[in-house]
PDB file of all heavy atoms in Angstrom:
ATOM      1  N   VAL A   1     -24.778   8.368   4.168  1.00  0.00           N
ATOM      2  CA  VAL A   1     -24.161   7.043   4.079  1.00  0.00           C
ATOM      3  C   VAL A   1     -22.650   7.214   4.154  1.00  0.00           C
ATOM      4  O   VAL A   1     -22.081   7.986   3.385  1.00  0.00           O
ATOM      5  CB  VAL A   1     -24.540   6.350   2.754  1.00  0.00           C
ATOM      6  CG1 VAL A   1     -23.893   4.984   2.664  1.00  0.00           C
ATOM      7  CG2 VAL A   1     -26.058   6.251   2.645  1.00  0.00           C
ATOM      8  N   PRO A   2     -21.939   6.510   5.067  1.00  0.00           N
ATOM      9  CA  PRO A   2     -20.490   6.670   5.208  1.00  0.00           C
ATOM     10  C   PRO A   2     -19.764   6.311   3.912  1.00  0.00           C
ATOM     11  O   PRO A   2     -20.151   5.405   3.206  1.00  0.00           O
ATOM     12  CB  PRO A   2     -20.120   5.681   6.324  1.00  0.00           C
ATOM     13  CG  PRO A   2     -21.401   5.434   7.055  1.00  0.00           C
ATOM     14  CD  PRO A   2     -22.490   5.559   6.051  1.00  0.00           C
ATOM     15  N   SER A   3     -18.720   7.063   3.603  1.00  0.00           N
ATOM     16  CA  SER A   3     -17.916   6.778   2.409  1.00  0.00           C
ATOM     17  C   SER A   3     -16.811   5.799   2.743  1.00  0.00           C
ATOM     18  O   SER A   3     -16.677   5.343   3.859  1.00  0.00           O
ATOM     19  CB  SER A   3     -17.311   8.084   1.881  1.00  0.00           C
ATOM     20  OG  SER A   3     -16.298   8.529   2.757  1.00  0.00           O
ATOM     21  N   GLY A   4     -15.975   5.507   1.727  1.00  0.00           N
ATOM     22  CA  GLY A   4     -14.891   4.547   1.921  1.00  0.00           C
ATOM     23  C   GLY A   4     -13.630   5.160   2.487  1.00  0.00           C
ATOM     24  O   GLY A   4     -12.605   4.497   2.545  1.00  0.00           O
ATOM     25  N   VAL A   5     -13.664   6.410   2.915  1.00  0.00           N
ATOM     26  CA  VAL A   5     -12.463   7.063   3.402  1.00  0.00           C
ATOM     27  C   VAL A   5     -11.921   6.375   4.647  1.00  0.00           C
ATOM     28  O   VAL A   5     -10.724   6.321   4.882  1.00  0.00           O
ATOM     29  CB  VAL A   5     -12.744   8.556   3.681  1.00  0.00           C
ATOM     30  CG1 VAL A   5     -11.529   9.234   4.269  1.00  0.00           C
ATOM     31  CG2 VAL A   5     -13.141   9.241   2.380  1.00  0.00           C
ATOM     32  N   GLY A   6     -12.794   5.788   5.450  1.00  0.00           N
ATOM     33  CA  GLY A   6     -12.357   5.127   6.674  1.00  0.00           C
ATOM     34  C   GLY A   6     -11.501   3.908   6.435  1.00  0.00           C
ATOM     35  O   GLY A   6     -10.897   3.371   7.360  1.00  0.00           O
ATOM     36  N   GLN A   7     -11.409   3.457   5.174  1.00  0.00           N
ATOM     37  CA  GLN A   7     -10.584   2.287   4.858  1.00  0.00           C
ATOM     38  C   GLN A   7      -9.110   2.640   4.780  1.00  0.00           C
ATOM     39  O   GLN A   7      -8.259   1.763   4.702  1.00  0.00           O
ATOM     40  CB  GLN A   7     -11.016   1.698   3.514  1.00  0.00           C
ATOM     41  CG  GLN A   7     -12.464   1.247   3.471  1.00  0.00           C
ATOM     42  CD  GLN A   7     -12.878   0.882   2.056  1.00  0.00           C
ATOM     43  OE1 GLN A   7     -12.070   0.905   1.137  1.00  0.00           O
ATOM     44  NE2 GLN A   7     -14.133   0.548   1.899  1.00  0.00           N
ATOM     45  N   LEU A   8      -8.781   3.917   4.815  1.00  0.00           N
ATOM     46  CA  LEU A   8      -7.398   4.330   4.620  1.00  0.00           C
ATOM     47  C   LEU A   8      -6.448   3.700   5.622  1.00  0.00           C
ATOM     48  O   LEU A   8      -5.428   3.120   5.263  1.00  0.00           O
ATOM     49  CB  LEU A   8      -7.295   5.856   4.721  1.00  0.00           C
ATOM     50  CG  LEU A   8      -7.513   6.659   3.441  1.00  0.00           C
ATOM     51  CD1 LEU A   8      -7.640   8.127   3.770  1.00  0.00           C
ATOM     52  CD2 LEU A   8      -6.370   6.438   2.467  1.00  0.00           C
ATOM     53  N   ALA A   9      -6.768   3.799   6.909  1.00  0.00           N
ATOM     54  CA  ALA A   9      -5.839   3.327   7.932  1.00  0.00           C
ATOM     55  C   ALA A   9      -5.611   1.831   7.832  1.00  0.00           C
ATOM     56  O   ALA A   9      -4.485   1.352   7.890  1.00  0.00           O
ATOM     57  CB  ALA A   9      -6.347   3.698   9.316  1.00  0.00           C
ATOM     58  N   SER A  10      -6.684   1.078   7.681  1.00  0.00           N
ATOM     59  CA  SER A  10      -6.529  -0.371   7.606  1.00  0.00           C
ATOM     60  C   SER A  10      -5.733  -0.753   6.365  1.00  0.00           C
ATOM     61  O   SER A  10      -4.981  -1.721   6.378  1.00  0.00           O
ATOM     62  CB  SER A  10      -7.895  -1.060   7.596  1.00  0.00           C
ATOM     63  OG  SER A  10      -8.645  -0.668   6.470  1.00  0.00           O
ATOM     64  N   PHE A  11      -5.876   0.018   5.282  1.00  0.00           N
ATOM     65  CA  PHE A  11      -5.093  -0.277   4.091  1.00  0.00           C
ATOM     66  C   PHE A  11      -3.618  -0.038   4.345  1.00  0.00           C
ATOM     67  O   PHE A  11      -2.763  -0.764   3.841  1.00  0.00           O
ATOM     68  CB  PHE A  11      -5.556   0.588   2.919  1.00  0.00           C
ATOM     69  CG  PHE A  11      -4.802   0.305   1.642  1.00  0.00           C
ATOM     70  CD1 PHE A  11      -5.229  -0.695   0.788  1.00  0.00           C
ATOM     71  CD2 PHE A  11      -3.662   1.014   1.310  1.00  0.00           C
ATOM     72  CE1 PHE A  11      -4.537  -0.972  -0.392  1.00  0.00           C
ATOM     73  CE2 PHE A  11      -2.958   0.745   0.142  1.00  0.00           C
ATOM     74  CZ  PHE A  11      -3.404  -0.246  -0.706  1.00  0.00           C
ATOM     75  N   GLY A  12      -3.287   0.973   5.153  1.00  0.00           N
ATOM     76  CA  GLY A  12      -1.882   1.259   5.434  1.00  0.00           C
ATOM     77  C   GLY A  12      -1.176   0.079   6.050  1.00  0.00           C
ATOM     78  O   GLY A  12      -0.075  -0.292   5.651  1.00  0.00           O
ATOM     79  N   ALA A  13      -1.794  -0.582   7.045  1.00  0.00           N
ATOM     80  CA  ALA A  13      -1.192  -1.755   7.671  1.00  0.00           C
ATOM     81  C   ALA A  13      -1.214  -2.935   6.727  1.00  0.00           C
ATOM     82  O   ALA A  13      -0.239  -3.688   6.626  1.00  0.00           O
ATOM     83  CB  ALA A  13      -1.941  -2.080   8.967  1.00  0.00           C
ATOM     84  N   GLN A  14      -2.312  -3.112   6.028  1.00  0.00           N
ATOM     85  CA  GLN A  14      -2.448  -4.245   5.106  1.00  0.00           C
ATOM     86  C   GLN A  14      -1.409  -4.161   3.996  1.00  0.00           C
ATOM     87  O   GLN A  14      -0.782  -5.155   3.631  1.00  0.00           O
ATOM     88  CB  GLN A  14      -3.854  -4.244   4.521  1.00  0.00           C
ATOM     89  CG  GLN A  14      -4.121  -5.369   3.528  1.00  0.00           C
ATOM     90  CD  GLN A  14      -5.484  -5.246   2.883  1.00  0.00           C
ATOM     91  OE1 GLN A  14      -6.181  -4.261   3.072  1.00  0.00           O
ATOM     92  NE2 GLN A  14      -5.848  -6.241   2.105  1.00  0.00           N
ATOM     93  N   ALA A  15      -1.220  -2.955   3.475  1.00  0.00           N
ATOM     94  CA  ALA A  15      -0.288  -2.782   2.365  1.00  0.00           C
ATOM     95  C   ALA A  15       1.142  -3.093   2.770  1.00  0.00           C
ATOM     96  O   ALA A  15       1.940  -3.576   1.962  1.00  0.00           O
ATOM     97  CB  ALA A  15      -0.372  -1.351   1.825  1.00  0.00           C
ATOM     98  N   ALA A  16       1.476  -2.838   4.027  1.00  0.00           N
ATOM     99  CA  ALA A  16       2.836  -3.108   4.489  1.00  0.00           C
ATOM    100  C   ALA A  16       3.161  -4.587   4.440  1.00  0.00           C
ATOM    101  O   ALA A  16       4.327  -4.967   4.358  1.00  0.00           O
ATOM    102  CB  ALA A  16       3.018  -2.573   5.911  1.00  0.00           C
ATOM    103  N   LEU A  17       2.128  -5.437   4.503  1.00  0.00           N
ATOM    104  CA  LEU A  17       2.332  -6.878   4.544  1.00  0.00           C
ATOM    105  C   LEU A  17       1.979  -7.551   3.233  1.00  0.00           C
ATOM    106  O   LEU A  17       1.926  -8.773   3.152  1.00  0.00           O
ATOM    107  CB  LEU A  17       1.499  -7.483   5.682  1.00  0.00           C
ATOM    108  CG  LEU A  17       1.812  -6.928   7.066  1.00  0.00           C
ATOM    109  CD1 LEU A  17       0.884  -7.539   8.106  1.00  0.00           C
ATOM    110  CD2 LEU A  17       3.257  -7.180   7.436  1.00  0.00           C
ATOM    111  N   GLN A  18       1.727  -6.777   2.202  1.00  0.00           N
ATOM    112  CA  GLN A  18       1.433  -7.326   0.890  1.00  0.00           C
ATOM    113  C   GLN A  18       2.590  -7.039  -0.056  1.00  0.00           C
ATOM    114  O   GLN A  18       3.366  -6.115   0.149  1.00  0.00           O
ATOM    115  CB  GLN A  18       0.137  -6.728   0.332  1.00  0.00           C
ATOM    116  CG  GLN A  18      -1.109  -7.169   1.081  1.00  0.00           C
ATOM    117  CD  GLN A  18      -2.360  -6.567   0.482  1.00  0.00           C
ATOM    118  OE1 GLN A  18      -2.303  -5.564  -0.213  1.00  0.00           O
ATOM    119  NE2 GLN A  18      -3.493  -7.173   0.766  1.00  0.00           N
ATOM    120  N   SER A  19       2.689  -7.826  -1.091  1.00  0.00           N
ATOM    121  CA  SER A  19       3.812  -7.682  -2.000  1.00  0.00           C
ATOM    122  C   SER A  19       3.670  -6.434  -2.862  1.00  0.00           C
ATOM    123  O   SER A  19       2.577  -6.065  -3.274  1.00  0.00           O
ATOM    124  CB  SER A  19       3.932  -8.915  -2.893  1.00  0.00           C
ATOM    125  OG  SER A  19       2.759  -9.084  -3.671  1.00  0.00           O
ATOM    126  N   TYR A  20       4.804  -5.790  -3.110  1.00  0.00           N
ATOM    127  CA  TYR A  20       4.841  -4.656  -4.017  1.00  0.00           C
ATOM    128  C   TYR A  20       4.944  -5.171  -5.454  1.00  0.00           C
ATOM    129  O   TYR A  20       5.277  -6.329  -5.695  1.00  0.00           O
ATOM    130  CB  TYR A  20       6.058  -3.776  -3.711  1.00  0.00           C
ATOM    131  CG  TYR A  20       5.978  -3.039  -2.389  1.00  0.00           C
ATOM    132  CD1 TYR A  20       6.616  -3.532  -1.258  1.00  0.00           C
ATOM    133  CD2 TYR A  20       5.277  -1.846  -2.281  1.00  0.00           C
ATOM    134  CE1 TYR A  20       6.563  -2.857  -0.056  1.00  0.00           C
ATOM    135  CE2 TYR A  20       5.216  -1.158  -1.090  1.00  0.00           C
ATOM    136  CZ  TYR A  20       5.856  -1.664   0.030  1.00  0.00           C
ATOM    137  OH  TYR A  20       5.787  -0.999   1.223  1.00  0.00           O
ATOM    138  N   SER A  21       4.673  -4.275  -6.397  1.00  0.00           N
ATOM    139  CA  SER A  21       4.853  -4.637  -7.797  1.00  0.00           C
ATOM    140  C   SER A  21       6.348  -4.708  -8.107  1.00  0.00           C
ATOM    141  O   SER A  21       7.190  -4.182  -7.369  1.00  0.00           O
ATOM    142  CB  SER A  21       4.196  -3.594  -8.698  1.00  0.00           C
ATOM    143  OG  SER A  21       4.901  -2.367  -8.638  1.00  0.00           O
ATOM    144  N   ARG A  22       6.673  -5.361  -9.208  1.00  0.00           N
ATOM    145  CA  ARG A  22       8.079  -5.448  -9.608  1.00  0.00           C
ATOM    146  C   ARG A  22       8.668  -4.067  -9.849  1.00  0.00           C
ATOM    147  O   ARG A  22       9.826  -3.803  -9.522  1.00  0.00           O
ATOM    148  CB  ARG A  22       8.202  -6.308 -10.859  1.00  0.00           C
ATOM    149  CG  ARG A  22       7.870  -7.780 -10.636  1.00  0.00           C
ATOM    150  CD  ARG A  22       8.068  -8.593 -11.903  1.00  0.00           C
ATOM    151  NE  ARG A  22       7.795 -10.002 -11.672  1.00  0.00           N
ATOM    152  CZ  ARG A  22       7.956 -10.958 -12.569  1.00  0.00           C
ATOM    153  NH1 ARG A  22       8.373 -10.621 -13.788  1.00  0.00           N
ATOM    154  NH2 ARG A  22       7.693 -12.212 -12.286  1.00  0.00           N
ATOM    155  N   GLU A  23       7.859  -3.185 -10.440  1.00  0.00           N
ATOM    156  CA  GLU A  23       8.343  -1.828 -10.725  1.00  0.00           C
ATOM    157  C   GLU A  23       8.635  -1.079  -9.428  1.00  0.00           C
ATOM    158  O   GLU A  23       9.644  -0.365  -9.321  1.00  0.00           O
ATOM    159  CB  GLU A  23       7.314  -1.067 -11.559  1.00  0.00           C
ATOM    160  CG  GLU A  23       7.132  -1.580 -12.981  1.00  0.00           C
ATOM    161  CD  GLU A  23       6.342  -2.893 -13.038  1.00  0.00           C
ATOM    162  OE1 GLU A  23       5.672  -3.230 -12.030  1.00  0.00           O
ATOM    163  OE2 GLU A  23       6.414  -3.579 -14.067  1.00  0.00           O
ATOM    164  N   GLN A  24       7.764  -1.242  -8.427  1.00  0.00           N
ATOM    165  CA  GLN A  24       7.983  -0.572  -7.153  1.00  0.00           C
ATOM    166  C   GLN A  24       9.193  -1.144  -6.424  1.00  0.00           C
ATOM    167  O   GLN A  24       9.956  -0.405  -5.793  1.00  0.00           O
ATOM    168  CB  GLN A  24       6.732  -0.678  -6.284  1.00  0.00           C
ATOM    169  CG  GLN A  24       5.579   0.173  -6.784  1.00  0.00           C
ATOM    170  CD  GLN A  24       4.302  -0.070  -5.999  1.00  0.00           C
ATOM    171  OE1 GLN A  24       4.053  -1.174  -5.525  1.00  0.00           O
ATOM    172  NE2 GLN A  24       3.484   0.960  -5.862  1.00  0.00           N
ATOM    173  N   GLU A  25       9.392  -2.458  -6.525  1.00  0.00           N
ATOM    174  CA  GLU A  25      10.563  -3.073  -5.899  1.00  0.00           C
ATOM    175  C   GLU A  25      11.844  -2.570  -6.562  1.00  0.00           C
ATOM    176  O   GLU A  25      12.835  -2.277  -5.882  1.00  0.00           O
ATOM    177  CB  GLU A  25      10.478  -4.593  -5.991  1.00  0.00           C
ATOM    178  CG  GLU A  25       9.526  -5.210  -4.996  1.00  0.00           C
ATOM    179  CD  GLU A  25       9.966  -4.942  -3.570  1.00  0.00           C
ATOM    180  OE1 GLU A  25      11.096  -5.308  -3.199  1.00  0.00           O
ATOM    181  OE2 GLU A  25       9.181  -4.360  -2.810  1.00  0.00           O
ATOM    182  N   LEU A  26      11.830  -2.486  -7.876  1.00  0.00           N
ATOM    183  CA  LEU A  26      13.014  -1.977  -8.581  1.00  0.00           C
ATOM    184  C   LEU A  26      13.280  -0.534  -8.181  1.00  0.00           C
ATOM    185  O   LEU A  26      14.433  -0.149  -7.954  1.00  0.00           O
ATOM    186  CB  LEU A  26      12.819  -2.098 -10.094  1.00  0.00           C
ATOM    187  CG  LEU A  26      13.964  -1.547 -10.963  1.00  0.00           C
ATOM    188  CD1 LEU A  26      15.269  -2.273 -10.662  1.00  0.00           C
ATOM    189  CD2 LEU A  26      13.609  -1.662 -12.453  1.00  0.00           C
ATOM    190  N   GLU A  27      12.233   0.252  -8.095  1.00  0.00           N
ATOM    191  CA  GLU A  27      12.402   1.651  -7.704  1.00  0.00           C
ATOM    192  C   GLU A  27      12.938   1.760  -6.284  1.00  0.00           C
ATOM    193  O   GLU A  27      13.839   2.568  -6.004  1.00  0.00           O
ATOM    194  CB  GLU A  27      11.068   2.387  -7.820  1.00  0.00           C
ATOM    195  CG  GLU A  27      11.191   3.892  -7.651  1.00  0.00           C
ATOM    196  CD  GLU A  27       9.908   4.600  -8.053  1.00  0.00           C
ATOM    197  OE1 GLU A  27       8.894   4.464  -7.328  1.00  0.00           O
ATOM    198  OE2 GLU A  27       9.926   5.294  -9.084  1.00  0.00           O
ATOM    199  N   ALA A  28      12.411   0.949  -5.352  1.00  0.00           N
ATOM    200  CA  ALA A  28      12.900   0.971  -3.973  1.00  0.00           C
ATOM    201  C   ALA A  28      14.356   0.509  -3.912  1.00  0.00           C
ATOM    202  O   ALA A  28      15.147   1.029  -3.108  1.00  0.00           O
ATOM    203  CB  ALA A  28      12.026   0.095  -3.084  1.00  0.00           C
ATOM    204  N   ASP A  29      14.721  -0.459  -4.747  1.00  0.00           N
ATOM    205  CA  ASP A  29      16.118  -0.890  -4.791  1.00  0.00           C
ATOM    206  C   ASP A  29      17.021   0.214  -5.339  1.00  0.00           C
ATOM    207  O   ASP A  29      18.124   0.448  -4.813  1.00  0.00           O
ATOM    208  CB  ASP A  29      16.261  -2.144  -5.659  1.00  0.00           C
ATOM    209  CG  ASP A  29      15.950  -3.419  -4.892  1.00  0.00           C
ATOM    210  OD1 ASP A  29      16.131  -3.430  -3.669  1.00  0.00           O
ATOM    211  OD2 ASP A  29      15.512  -4.401  -5.520  1.00  0.00           O
ATOM    212  N   ARG A  30      16.563   0.890  -6.374  1.00  0.00           N
ATOM    213  CA  ARG A  30      17.354   2.001  -6.922  1.00  0.00           C
ATOM    214  C   ARG A  30      17.597   3.069  -5.861  1.00  0.00           C
ATOM    215  O   ARG A  30      18.719   3.556  -5.698  1.00  0.00           O
ATOM    216  CB  ARG A  30      16.647   2.616  -8.126  1.00  0.00           C
ATOM    217  CG  ARG A  30      16.690   1.801  -9.399  1.00  0.00           C
ATOM    218  CD  ARG A  30      15.986   2.540 -10.532  1.00  0.00           C
ATOM    219  NE  ARG A  30      16.612   3.832 -10.816  1.00  0.00           N
ATOM    220  CZ  ARG A  30      16.142   4.721 -11.687  1.00  0.00           C
ATOM    221  NH1 ARG A  30      15.033   4.455 -12.353  1.00  0.00           N
ATOM    222  NH2 ARG A  30      16.770   5.850 -11.891  1.00  0.00           N
ATOM    223  N   LEU A  31      16.531   3.434  -5.168  1.00  0.00           N
ATOM    224  CA  LEU A  31      16.669   4.452  -4.130  1.00  0.00           C
ATOM    225  C   LEU A  31      17.524   3.941  -2.977  1.00  0.00           C
ATOM    226  O   LEU A  31      18.344   4.682  -2.421  1.00  0.00           O
ATOM    227  CB  LEU A  31      15.284   4.872  -3.625  1.00  0.00           C
ATOM    228  CG  LEU A  31      14.404   5.567  -4.668  1.00  0.00           C
ATOM    229  CD1 LEU A  31      12.994   5.775  -4.124  1.00  0.00           C
ATOM    230  CD2 LEU A  31      15.007   6.910  -5.071  1.00  0.00           C
TER     231      LEU A  31
END
Protein backbone atom coordinates (compact mmCIF):
# COMPACT_ATOMS: atom_id res chain seq x y z
CA VAL A 1 0.00 0.00 0.00
CA PRO A 2 1.57 3.38 -1.01
CA SER A 3 2.66 5.59 1.89
CA GLY A 4 2.15 9.32 2.30
CA VAL A 5 5.65 10.20 1.14
CA GLY A 6 4.33 11.21 -2.28
CA GLN A 7 2.56 14.16 -0.65
CA LEU A 8 5.86 15.95 -0.11
CA ALA A 9 6.06 17.77 -3.43
CA SER A 10 2.48 18.98 -3.45
CA PHE A 11 2.94 20.21 0.12
CA GLY A 12 5.96 22.25 -0.96
CA ALA A 13 3.89 24.31 -3.42
CA GLN A 14 0.88 24.45 -1.13
CA ALA A 15 2.94 25.64 1.81
CA ALA A 16 4.38 28.51 -0.21
CA LEU A 17 0.87 29.91 -0.61
CA GLN A 18 -0.30 29.37 2.96
CA SER A 19 0.28 31.64 5.90
CA TYR A 20 3.22 31.08 8.21
CA SER A 21 2.89 31.11 11.97
CA ARG A 22 3.59 34.33 13.83
CA GLU A 23 6.75 32.80 15.26
CA GLN A 24 8.00 31.84 11.80
CA GLU A 25 7.21 35.31 10.44
CA LEU A 26 9.10 36.93 13.30
CA GLU A 27 12.03 34.62 12.71
CA ALA A 28 12.04 35.36 8.96
CA ASP A 29 11.91 39.08 9.74
CA ARG A 30 14.82 38.76 12.16
CA LEU A 31 16.88 36.94 9.56
